[in-house]
Amino acid sequence: MALEMKYFILKPHSKFHGDPFAAASRKAMRVYADMIKHIDENLGKELELWANRETKNDIMMMPEESNG
């Protein structure tokens, strides 16, 4: 049976560093923003900023390397 739905929810906030589901959501947000920026420039910019913030949050979750 094929998957059919009217809406698809993206969750760009990482639960842990390198969360692949959150990374995929942020990538999808950036693609969507790029495709609609010519129609709604503000929405495109806001989506890009949101994805960037969540990427920074993911990076902040990166474990620090121990110094031995």
Protein backbone atom coordinates (compact mmCIF):
# COMPACT_ATOMS: atom_id res chain seq x y z
CA MET A 1 0.00 0.00 0.00
CA ALA A 2 1.38 3.43 -0.95
CA LEU A 3 1.84 6.06 1.72
CA GLU A 4 -0.64 8.91 1.16
CA MET A 5 -1.18 11.89 3.41
CA LYS A 6 -2.17 15.49 3.13
CA TYR A 7 0.48 16.89 5.48
CA PHE A 8 4.02 15.93 6.42
CA ILE A 9 5.49 17.25 9.68
CA LEU A 10 9.16 18.17 9.95
CA LYS A 11 10.94 18.33 13.32
CA PRO A 12 14.23 20.19 12.82
CA HIS A 13 15.26 20.16 16.51
CA SER A 14 17.88 17.51 17.28
CA LYS A 15 17.31 15.20 20.24
CA PHE A 16 21.07 14.45 20.22
CA HIS A 17 24.11 15.53 18.21
CA GLY A 18 23.92 14.15 14.69
CA ASP A 19 20.20 13.27 14.88
CA PRO A 20 19.58 12.08 11.29
CA PHE A 21 15.83 12.78 11.38
CA ALA A 22 16.38 16.39 12.46
CA ALA A 23 19.15 16.83 9.87
CA ALA A 24 16.84 15.54 7.12
CA SER A 25 14.12 17.93 8.30
CA ARG A 26 16.49 20.89 8.14
CA LYS A 27 17.60 19.89 4.67
CA ALA A 28 13.97 19.66 3.52
CA MET A 29 13.27 23.09 5.04
CA ARG A 30 16.18 24.59 3.10
CA VAL A 31 15.04 23.04 -0.19
CA TYR A 32 11.47 24.27 0.38
CA ALA A 33 12.76 27.76 1.29
CA ASP A 34 14.87 27.88 -1.85
CA MET A 35 11.95 26.86 -4.06
CA ILE A 36 9.45 29.37 -2.63
CA LYS A 37 11.71 32.38 -2.00
CA HIS A 38 10.71 33.89 -5.36
CA ILE A 39 7.04 33.76 -4.32
CA ASP A 40 7.38 34.58 -0.60
CA GLU A 41 10.81 36.01 0.16
CA ASN A 42 10.14 36.52 3.87
CA LEU A 43 8.97 32.95 4.43
CA GLY A 44 12.00 31.63 2.57
CA LYS A 45 14.35 33.72 4.72
CA GLU A 46 12.65 32.75 7.98
CA LEU A 47 12.78 29.04 7.16
CA GLU A 48 16.47 29.30 6.29
CA LEU A 49 17.19 31.14 9.55
CA TRP A 50 15.25 28.55 11.55
CA ALA A 51 17.14 25.68 9.92
CA ASN A 52 20.43 27.46 10.61
CA ARG A 53 19.56 27.98 14.30
CA GLU A 54 18.70 24.32 14.69
CA THR A 55 21.95 23.31 13.00
CA LYS A 56 23.87 25.48 15.48
CA ASN A 57 21.96 23.85 18.34
CA ASP A 58 22.93 20.41 17.00
CA ILE A 59 26.59 21.44 16.83
CA MET A 60 26.43 22.68 20.44
CA MET A 61 25.37 19.15 21.48
CA MET A 62 28.59 17.69 20.09
CA PRO A 63 30.52 15.98 22.88
CA GLU A 64 33.79 17.63 23.74
CA GLU A 65 36.85 15.55 23.02
CA SER A 66 38.69 14.50 26.14
CA ASN A 67 42.26 15.68 26.41
CA GLY A 68 43.57 12.28 27.37
